[in-house]
PDB file of N, CA and C in Angstrom:
ATOM      1  N   MET A   1     112.391  69.353  13.574  1.00  0.00           N
ATOM      2  CA  MET A   1     113.288  69.308  15.517  1.00  0.00           C
ATOM      3  C   MET A   1     112.626  68.665  16.147  1.00  0.00           C
ATOM      4  N   THR A   2     113.305  69.064  17.354  1.00  0.00           N
ATOM      5  CA  THR A   2     113.114  67.601  18.437  1.00  0.00           C
ATOM      6  C   THR A   2     112.169  68.596  19.262  1.00  0.00           C
ATOM      7  N   PRO A   3     111.453  68.638  20.434  1.00  0.00           N
ATOM      8  CA  PRO A   3     110.469  69.631  21.334  1.00  0.00           C
ATOM      9  C   PRO A   3     111.348  70.410  22.086  1.00  0.00           C
ATOM     10  N   ARG A   4     112.418  70.244  22.470  1.00  0.00           N
ATOM     11  CA  ARG A   4     113.358  71.399  22.813  1.00  0.00           C
ATOM     12  C   ARG A   4     113.677  72.106  21.710  1.00  0.00           C
ATOM     13  N   GLU A   5     114.054  71.799  20.500  1.00  0.00           N
ATOM     14  CA  GLU A   5     114.665  72.583  19.863  1.00  0.00           C
ATOM     15  C   GLU A   5     112.913  73.479  19.522  1.00  0.00           C
ATOM     16  N   LEU A   6     112.482  72.806  19.475  1.00  0.00           N
ATOM     17  CA  LEU A   6     110.855  74.302  19.508  1.00  0.00           C
ATOM     18  C   LEU A   6     110.525  75.146  20.373  1.00  0.00           C
ATOM     19  N   PHE A   7     111.259  74.360  21.455  1.00  0.00           N
ATOM     20  CA  PHE A   7     110.844  75.196  22.840  1.00  0.00           C
ATOM     21  C   PHE A   7     111.845  76.210  23.037  1.00  0.00           C
ATOM     22  N   GLU A   8     113.179  76.149  22.266  1.00  0.00           N
ATOM     23  CA  GLU A   8     114.477  77.841  22.703  1.00  0.00           C
ATOM     24  C   GLU A   8     113.618  77.790  21.347  1.00  0.00           C
ATOM     25  N   PHE A   9     113.956  77.622  20.145  1.00  0.00           N
ATOM     26  CA  PHE A   9     113.299  78.673  19.371  1.00  0.00           C
ATOM     27  C   PHE A   9     112.011  79.371  19.536  1.00  0.00           C
ATOM     28  N   ALA A  10     111.305  78.687  19.958  1.00  0.00           N
ATOM     29  CA  ALA A  10     109.733  79.586  19.952  1.00  0.00           C
ATOM     30  C   ALA A  10     110.394  81.427  21.319  1.00  0.00           C
ATOM     31  N   CYS A  11     111.104  80.480  22.655  1.00  0.00           N
ATOM     32  CA  CYS A  11     111.924  80.987  23.212  1.00  0.00           C
ATOM     33  C   CYS A  11     112.770  82.158  22.268  1.00  0.00           C
ATOM     34  N   ARG A  12     113.193  81.899  22.011  1.00  0.00           N
ATOM     35  CA  ARG A  12     114.336  83.409  21.204  1.00  0.00           C
ATOM     36  C   ARG A  12     113.950  84.147  20.353  1.00  0.00           C
ATOM     37  N   MET A  13     112.175  83.511  19.576  1.00  0.00           N
ATOM     38  CA  MET A  13     112.099  84.625  18.708  1.00  0.00           C
ATOM     39  C   MET A  13     110.535  85.498  19.359  1.00  0.00           C
ATOM     40  N   ARG A  14     110.400  85.018  20.881  1.00  0.00           N
ATOM     41  CA  ARG A  14     108.837  85.295  20.977  1.00  0.00           C
ATOM     42  C   ARG A  14     109.088  86.031  22.722  1.00  0.00           C
ATOM     43  N   THR A  15     110.512  85.865  23.209  1.00  0.00           N
ATOM     44  CA  THR A  15     110.940  86.636  24.507  1.00  0.00           C
ATOM     45  C   THR A  15     112.321  87.358  24.489  1.00  0.00           C
ATOM     46  N   THR A  16     112.568  88.008  25.382  1.00  0.00           N
ATOM     47  CA  THR A  16     114.139  88.298  25.791  1.00  0.00           C
ATOM     48  C   THR A  16     115.392  87.871  26.619  1.00  0.00           C
ATOM     49  N   LEU A  17     114.771  86.791  26.821  1.00  0.00           N
ATOM     50  CA  LEU A  17     115.453  86.324  28.155  1.00  0.00           C
ATOM     51  C   LEU A  17     116.987  85.618  27.154  1.00  0.00           C
ATOM     52  N   THR A  18     117.834  85.544  28.398  1.00  0.00           N
ATOM     53  CA  THR A  18     118.820  85.400  28.022  1.00  0.00           C
ATOM     54  C   THR A  18     119.182  83.559  27.353  1.00  0.00           C
ATOM     55  N   GLY A  19     119.991  83.585  27.350  1.00  0.00           N
ATOM     56  CA  GLY A  19     120.443  81.833  27.076  1.00  0.00           C
ATOM     57  C   GLY A  19     120.210  80.978  28.198  1.00  0.00           C
ATOM     58  N   ILE A  20     121.275  81.538  29.349  1.00  0.00           N
ATOM     59  CA  ILE A  20     120.999  80.739  30.218  1.00  0.00           C
ATOM     60  C   ILE A  20     119.404  80.378  32.044  1.00  0.00           C
ATOM     61  N   GLU A  21     118.275  81.522  31.177  1.00  0.00           N
ATOM     62  CA  GLU A  21     117.087  81.677  31.993  1.00  0.00           C
ATOM     63  C   GLU A  21     116.600  81.331  30.782  1.00  0.00           C
ATOM     64  N   ILE A  22     116.796  80.696  29.402  1.00  0.00           N
ATOM     65  CA  ILE A  22     116.196  79.774  27.632  1.00  0.00           C
ATOM     66  C   ILE A  22     116.034  78.633  28.193  1.00  0.00           C
ATOM     67  N   GLU A  23     117.208  77.829  28.280  1.00  0.00           N
ATOM     68  CA  GLU A  23     117.633  76.976  29.286  1.00  0.00           C
ATOM     69  C   GLU A  23     116.935  76.057  30.454  1.00  0.00           C
ATOM     70  N   ARG A  24     116.870  76.830  31.814  1.00  0.00           N
ATOM     71  CA  ARG A  24     116.275  77.010  32.537  1.00  0.00           C
ATOM     72  C   ARG A  24     114.237  76.743  32.621  1.00  0.00           C
ATOM     73  N   ARG A  25     113.909  78.297  31.715  1.00  0.00           N
ATOM     74  CA  ARG A  25     112.405  77.419  31.621  1.00  0.00           C
ATOM     75  C   ARG A  25     112.223  76.781  30.568  1.00  0.00           C
ATOM     76  N   VAL A  26     112.727  75.909  29.686  1.00  0.00           N
ATOM     77  CA  VAL A  26     112.579  74.615  28.768  1.00  0.00           C
ATOM     78  C   VAL A  26     112.912  73.357  30.059  1.00  0.00           C
ATOM     79  N   GLU A  27     114.135  73.792  30.675  1.00  0.00           N
ATOM     80  CA  GLU A  27     113.413  72.581  31.488  1.00  0.00           C
ATOM     81  C   GLU A  27     112.762  72.219  32.109  1.00  0.00           C
ATOM     82  N   SER A  28     112.125  73.527  32.431  1.00  0.00           N
ATOM     83  CA  SER A  28     110.884  73.404  33.703  1.00  0.00           C
ATOM     84  C   SER A  28     109.859  73.415  33.283  1.00  0.00           C
ATOM     85  N   LEU A  29     109.585  73.790  31.712  1.00  0.00           N
ATOM     86  CA  LEU A  29     108.669  73.120  31.125  1.00  0.00           C
ATOM     87  C   LEU A  29     108.877  71.789  30.521  1.00  0.00           C
ATOM     88  N   VAL A  30     109.580  71.715  30.609  1.00  0.00           N
ATOM     89  CA  VAL A  30     110.026  69.978  30.042  1.00  0.00           C
ATOM     90  C   VAL A  30     108.897  69.147  31.163  1.00  0.00           C
ATOM     91  N   LYS A  31     109.699  69.203  32.041  1.00  0.00           N
ATOM     92  CA  LYS A  31     108.510  68.240  33.321  1.00  0.00           C
ATOM     93  C   LYS A  31     107.510  68.083  33.661  1.00  0.00           C
ATOM     94  N   ALA A  32     107.024  69.423  32.990  1.00  0.00           N
ATOM     95  CA  ALA A  32     105.752  70.291  34.374  1.00  0.00           C
ATOM     96  C   ALA A  32     104.610  69.396  32.670  1.00  0.00           C
ATOM     97  N   LEU A  33     105.457  69.448  31.380  1.00  0.00           N
ATOM     98  CA  LEU A  33     104.658  68.545  30.933  1.00  0.00           C
ATOM     99  C   LEU A  33     104.907  66.803  30.654  1.00  0.00           C
ATOM    100  N   LYS A  34     105.526  66.787  31.403  1.00  0.00           N
ATOM    101  CA  LYS A  34     106.412  65.181  31.556  1.00  0.00           C
ATOM    102  C   LYS A  34     106.473  64.955  30.103  1.00  0.00           C
ATOM    103  N   LEU A  35     107.450  65.895  29.104  1.00  0.00           N
ATOM    104  CA  LEU A  35     108.334  65.385  27.872  1.00  0.00           C
ATOM    105  C   LEU A  35     109.431  64.903  27.881  1.00  0.00           C
ATOM    106  N   ASP A  36     109.964  64.819  29.276  1.00  0.00           N
ATOM    107  CA  ASP A  36     111.891  64.131  29.763  1.00  0.00           C
ATOM    108  C   ASP A  36     112.098  63.699  28.466  1.00  0.00           C
ATOM    109  N   GLU A  37     110.549  62.099  28.459  1.00  0.00           N
ATOM    110  CA  GLU A  37     111.721  60.483  27.551  1.00  0.00           C
ATOM    111  C   GLU A  37     111.958  60.919  26.204  1.00  0.00           C
ATOM    112  N   CYS A  38     110.800  62.386  24.993  1.00  0.00           N
ATOM    113  CA  CYS A  38     111.079  62.482  23.996  1.00  0.00           C
ATOM    114  C   CYS A  38     111.679  63.672  23.957  1.00  0.00           C
ATOM    115  N   ILE A  39     111.880  64.747  24.905  1.00  0.00           N
ATOM    116  CA  ILE A  39     112.503  66.184  24.597  1.00  0.00           C
ATOM    117  C   ILE A  39     113.721  65.920  23.765  1.00  0.00           C
ATOM    118  N   ASP A  40     114.378  64.802  22.992  1.00  0.00           N
ATOM    119  CA  ASP A  40     115.345  65.017  22.159  1.00  0.00           C
ATOM    120  C   ASP A  40     115.145  63.557  20.451  1.00  0.00           C
ATOM    121  N   THR A  41     113.829  63.882  20.589  1.00  0.00           N
ATOM    122  CA  THR A  41     113.118  62.761  19.903  1.00  0.00           C
ATOM    123  C   THR A  41     112.174  63.921  18.346  1.00  0.00           C
ATOM    124  N   MET A  42     112.626  63.652  17.463  1.00  0.00           N
ATOM    125  CA  MET A  42     112.117  64.691  16.548  1.00  0.00           C
ATOM    126  C   MET A  42     110.725  64.251  16.315  1.00  0.00           C
ATOM    127  N   VAL A  43     109.749  65.625  16.650  1.00  0.00           N
ATOM    128  CA  VAL A  43     108.308  65.280  16.452  1.00  0.00           C
ATOM    129  C   VAL A  43     107.878  65.116  15.664  1.00  0.00           C
ATOM    130  N   GLY A  44     107.960  64.618  13.767  1.00  0.00           N
ATOM    131  CA  GLY A  44     107.425  63.926  13.050  1.00  0.00           C
ATOM    132  C   GLY A  44     106.086  64.266  12.164  1.00  0.00           C
ATOM    133  N   THR A  45     106.372  64.267  10.876  1.00  0.00           N
ATOM    134  CA  THR A  45     105.027  64.017  10.679  1.00  0.00           C
ATOM    135  C   THR A  45     104.558  62.807   9.832  1.00  0.00           C
ATOM    136  N   GLU A  46     102.948  62.733   8.780  1.00  0.00           N
ATOM    137  CA  GLU A  46     102.106  61.986   8.636  1.00  0.00           C
ATOM    138  C   GLU A  46     103.555  61.067   8.160  1.00  0.00           C
ATOM    139  N   LEU A  47     104.153  61.536   7.572  1.00  0.00           N
ATOM    140  CA  LEU A  47     105.444  60.128   6.695  1.00  0.00           C
ATOM    141  C   LEU A  47     106.214  60.142   8.034  1.00  0.00           C
ATOM    142  N   ILE A  48     106.221  60.654   8.266  1.00  0.00           N
ATOM    143  CA  ILE A  48     108.267  60.138   9.483  1.00  0.00           C
ATOM    144  C   ILE A  48     107.391  60.425  11.054  1.00  0.00           C
ATOM    145  N   LYS A  49     107.961  59.197  11.368  1.00  0.00           N
ATOM    146  CA  LYS A  49     107.380  58.330  12.597  1.00  0.00           C
ATOM    147  C   LYS A  49     108.378  59.822  13.517  1.00  0.00           C
ATOM    148  N   GLY A  50     107.577  59.566  14.576  1.00  0.00           N
ATOM    149  CA  GLY A  50     108.221  61.074  15.469  1.00  0.00           C
ATOM    150  C   GLY A  50     107.489  60.327  16.962  1.00  0.00           C
ATOM    151  N   ILE A  51     107.515  61.492  17.923  1.00  0.00           N
ATOM    152  CA  ILE A  51     106.703  61.700  18.811  1.00  0.00           C
ATOM    153  C   ILE A  51     105.347  60.755  18.610  1.00  0.00           C
ATOM    154  N   SER A  52     104.780  60.272  20.124  1.00  0.00           N
ATOM    155  CA  SER A  52     103.562  59.985  19.810  1.00  0.00           C
ATOM    156  C   SER A  52     102.513  61.465  20.019  1.00  0.00           C
ATOM    157  N   GLY A  53     101.039  61.161  19.516  1.00  0.00           N
ATOM    158  CA  GLY A  53     100.456  61.885  19.373  1.00  0.00           C
ATOM    159  C   GLY A  53     100.025  62.565  20.543  1.00  0.00           C
ATOM    160  N   GLY A  54     100.263  62.060  21.971  1.00  0.00           N
ATOM    161  CA  GLY A  54      99.739  62.906  23.139  1.00  0.00           C
ATOM    162  C   GLY A  54     101.474  63.816  23.730  1.00  0.00           C
ATOM    163  N   GLU A  55     102.621  63.094  23.109  1.00  0.00           N
ATOM    164  CA  GLU A  55     103.121  63.632  22.908  1.00  0.00           C
ATOM    165  C   GLU A  55     103.320  65.074  22.513  1.00  0.00           C
ATOM    166  N   ARG A  56     102.752  64.621  21.166  1.00  0.00           N
ATOM    167  CA  ARG A  56     103.377  65.722  20.049  1.00  0.00           C
ATOM    168  C   ARG A  56     101.381  67.236  21.377  1.00  0.00           C
ATOM    169  N   LYS A  57     100.827  66.906  20.786  1.00  0.00           N
ATOM    170  CA  LYS A  57      99.791  67.244  21.664  1.00  0.00           C
ATOM    171  C   LYS A  57     100.111  68.709  22.947  1.00  0.00           C
ATOM    172  N   ARG A  58     101.190  67.694  23.764  1.00  0.00           N
ATOM    173  CA  ARG A  58     101.655  68.716  24.777  1.00  0.00           C
ATOM    174  C   ARG A  58     102.627  69.556  24.791  1.00  0.00           C
ATOM    175  N   THR A  59     103.737  69.296  23.520  1.00  0.00           N
ATOM    176  CA  THR A  59     104.593  69.933  22.769  1.00  0.00           C
ATOM    177  C   THR A  59     103.357  71.253  22.532  1.00  0.00           C
ATOM    178  N   SER A  60     102.483  71.381  21.587  1.00  0.00           N
ATOM    179  CA  SER A  60     102.163  71.813  20.755  1.00  0.00           C
ATOM    180  C   SER A  60     101.596  73.633  22.358  1.00  0.00           C
ATOM    181  N   ILE A  61     100.938  72.393  23.100  1.00  0.00           N
ATOM    182  CA  ILE A  61     100.886  73.568  24.354  1.00  0.00           C
ATOM    183  C   ILE A  61     102.260  74.069  24.654  1.00  0.00           C
ATOM    184  N   GLY A  62     102.967  73.221  25.003  1.00  0.00           N
ATOM    185  CA  GLY A  62     104.615  73.884  25.794  1.00  0.00           C
ATOM    186  C   GLY A  62     104.920  75.261  24.630  1.00  0.00           C
ATOM    187  N   TYR A  63     104.850  74.372  23.172  1.00  0.00           N
ATOM    188  CA  TYR A  63     105.085  75.909  22.970  1.00  0.00           C
ATOM    189  C   TYR A  63     103.845  77.291  22.718  1.00  0.00           C
ATOM    190  N   GLU A  64     102.973  76.866  23.317  1.00  0.00           N
ATOM    191  CA  GLU A  64     102.586  78.047  23.461  1.00  0.00           C
ATOM    192  C   GLU A  64     102.833  78.678  24.980  1.00  0.00           C
ATOM    193  N   LEU A  65     103.221  78.187  26.024  1.00  0.00           N
ATOM    194  CA  LEU A  65     103.367  78.319  26.898  1.00  0.00           C
ATOM    195  C   LEU A  65     104.497  79.233  27.775  1.00  0.00           C
ATOM    196  N   ILE A  66     105.477  78.331  26.613  1.00  0.00           N
ATOM    197  CA  ILE A  66     106.977  79.360  26.421  1.00  0.00           C
ATOM    198  C   ILE A  66     107.472  81.044  27.022  1.00  0.00           C
ATOM    199  N   THR A  67     106.289  81.049  26.785  1.00  0.00           N
ATOM    200  CA  THR A  67     106.728  82.692  26.891  1.00  0.00           C
ATOM    201  C   THR A  67     105.827  83.475  27.521  1.00  0.00           C
ATOM    202  N   ASN A  68     105.023  82.813  28.480  1.00  0.00           N
ATOM    203  CA  ASN A  68     104.549  82.472  29.863  1.00  0.00           C
ATOM    204  C   ASN A  68     103.841  84.481  29.800  1.00  0.00           C
ATOM    205  N   PRO A  69     101.845  83.373  28.895  1.00  0.00           N
ATOM    206  CA  PRO A  69     101.304  84.276  27.690  1.00  0.00           C
ATOM    207  C   PRO A  69      99.816  84.365  29.074  1.00  0.00           C
ATOM    208  N   SER A  70      99.139  85.896  29.038  1.00  0.00           N
ATOM    209  CA  SER A  70      98.307  86.143  29.898  1.00  0.00           C
ATOM    210  C   SER A  70      97.333  85.842  29.375  1.00  0.00           C
ATOM    211  N   LEU A  71      96.576  85.062  28.369  1.00  0.00           N
ATOM    212  CA  LEU A  71      95.567  84.503  27.809  1.00  0.00           C
ATOM    213  C   LEU A  71      95.964  83.423  26.616  1.00  0.00           C
ATOM    214  N   LEU A  72      95.260  81.951  27.372  1.00  0.00           N
ATOM    215  CA  LEU A  72      94.968  81.411  26.590  1.00  0.00           C
ATOM    216  C   LEU A  72      94.662  80.432  26.080  1.00  0.00           C
ATOM    217  N   PHE A  73      93.777  80.707  24.469  1.00  0.00           N
ATOM    218  CA  PHE A  73      92.876  79.221  23.787  1.00  0.00           C
ATOM    219  C   PHE A  73      93.213  78.421  24.221  1.00  0.00           C
ATOM    220  N   LEU A  74      92.732  77.267  24.546  1.00  0.00           N
ATOM    221  CA  LEU A  74      93.529  75.840  24.115  1.00  0.00           C
ATOM    222  C   LEU A  74      92.043  75.154  23.695  1.00  0.00           C
ATOM    223  N   ASP A  75      91.451  74.257  22.423  1.00  0.00           N
ATOM    224  CA  ASP A  75      90.428  73.783  21.647  1.00  0.00           C
ATOM    225  C   ASP A  75      91.616  72.228  20.855  1.00  0.00           C
ATOM    226  N   GLY A  76      92.219  72.448  19.936  1.00  0.00           N
ATOM    227  CA  GLY A  76      92.243  71.035  19.665  1.00  0.00           C
ATOM    228  C   GLY A  76      93.313  70.696  20.422  1.00  0.00           C
ATOM    229  N   PRO A  77      94.223  71.147  21.061  1.00  0.00           N
ATOM    230  CA  PRO A  77      95.285  70.516  21.481  1.00  0.00           C
ATOM    231  C   PRO A  77      94.805  69.956  22.646  1.00  0.00           C
ATOM    232  N   THR A  78      94.118  69.767  23.603  1.00  0.00           N
ATOM    233  CA  THR A  78      93.158  69.893  24.267  1.00  0.00           C
ATOM    234  C   THR A  78      92.447  68.871  24.108  1.00  0.00           C
ATOM    235  N   SER A  79      92.520  68.510  23.033  1.00  0.00           N
ATOM    236  CA  SER A  79      91.263  66.836  22.971  1.00  0.00           C
ATOM    237  C   SER A  79      91.519  65.336  22.533  1.00  0.00           C
ATOM    238  N   GLY A  80      91.675  64.186  22.633  1.00  0.00           N
ATOM    239  CA  GLY A  80      91.247  63.372  22.673  1.00  0.00           C
ATOM    240  C   GLY A  80      92.507  62.594  23.890  1.00  0.00           C
ATOM    241  N   LEU A  81      92.675  63.906  24.831  1.00  0.00           N
ATOM    242  CA  LEU A  81      93.530  62.955  25.783  1.00  0.00           C
ATOM    243  C   LEU A  81      93.324  62.703  26.859  1.00  0.00           C
ATOM    244  N   ASP A  82      94.138  61.525  27.068  1.00  0.00           N
ATOM    245  CA  ASP A  82      93.950  60.691  28.103  1.00  0.00           C
ATOM    246  C   ASP A  82      93.308  61.862  29.772  1.00  0.00           C
ATOM    247  N   SER A  83      92.323  61.056  30.315  1.00  0.00           N
ATOM    248  CA  SER A  83      92.020  61.912  31.432  1.00  0.00           C
ATOM    249  C   SER A  83      92.744  62.165  32.562  1.00  0.00           C
ATOM    250  N   PHE A  84      94.677  61.396  32.668  1.00  0.00           N
ATOM    251  CA  PHE A  84      95.439  62.028  34.048  1.00  0.00           C
ATOM    252  C   PHE A  84      96.582  62.865  32.980  1.00  0.00           C
ATOM    253  N   THR A  85      96.644  62.430  31.464  1.00  0.00           N
ATOM    254  CA  THR A  85      97.050  64.384  30.727  1.00  0.00           C
ATOM    255  C   THR A  85      96.282  64.901  31.322  1.00  0.00           C
ATOM    256  N   ALA A  86      94.816  65.222  30.500  1.00  0.00           N
ATOM    257  CA  ALA A  86      93.950  66.274  30.740  1.00  0.00           C
ATOM    258  C   ALA A  86      94.673  66.763  32.285  1.00  0.00           C
ATOM    259  N   LEU A  87      93.978  65.949  32.754  1.00  0.00           N
ATOM    260  CA  LEU A  87      94.193  66.323  34.565  1.00  0.00           C
ATOM    261  C   LEU A  87      95.525  67.443  35.010  1.00  0.00           C
ATOM    262  N   SER A  88      96.620  66.443  34.427  1.00  0.00           N
ATOM    263  CA  SER A  88      97.290  66.829  34.505  1.00  0.00           C
ATOM    264  C   SER A  88      98.057  68.451  33.731  1.00  0.00           C
ATOM    265  N   ILE A  89      97.294  68.560  32.489  1.00  0.00           N
ATOM    266  CA  ILE A  89      97.389  69.725  32.012  1.00  0.00           C
ATOM    267  C   ILE A  89      96.371  70.722  32.687  1.00  0.00           C
ATOM    268  N   ILE A  90      95.692  70.824  33.370  1.00  0.00           N
ATOM    269  CA  ILE A  90      94.568  71.735  33.639  1.00  0.00           C
ATOM    270  C   ILE A  90      95.379  72.224  35.042  1.00  0.00           C
ATOM    271  N   LYS A  91      95.454  70.923  35.633  1.00  0.00           N
ATOM    272  CA  LYS A  91      96.678  71.543  36.629  1.00  0.00           C
ATOM    273  C   LYS A  91      97.919  72.566  36.819  1.00  0.00           C
ATOM    274  N   LEU A  92      98.410  71.889  35.670  1.00  0.00           N
ATOM    275  CA  LEU A  92      99.670  72.759  35.351  1.00  0.00           C
ATOM    276  C   LEU A  92      98.901  74.640  34.567  1.00  0.00           C
ATOM    277  N   LEU A  93      98.251  74.957  34.414  1.00  0.00           N
ATOM    278  CA  LEU A  93      97.578  75.944  33.436  1.00  0.00           C
ATOM    279  C   LEU A  93      96.957  76.454  34.898  1.00  0.00           C
TER     280      LEU A  93
END
């Protein structure tokens, strides 16, 4: 799956938003997480090349943020990020 497909899936399964609202929320989150260039690239696995490690971490954060949670624990997804990306995530939160 691609980051776009993952975000849309999470939105459809975990919210009551309509199709247009889902599209808007996904696009907003993609821009905020700076995933524009990889939005339609397969995430991949250990055996299949996909998006980079930093993009994968930002995608996992976005997967949780897409539902607009009131509480969010971030441990694994934030470790190993470069300082610029970590600061961008903190500002987004």
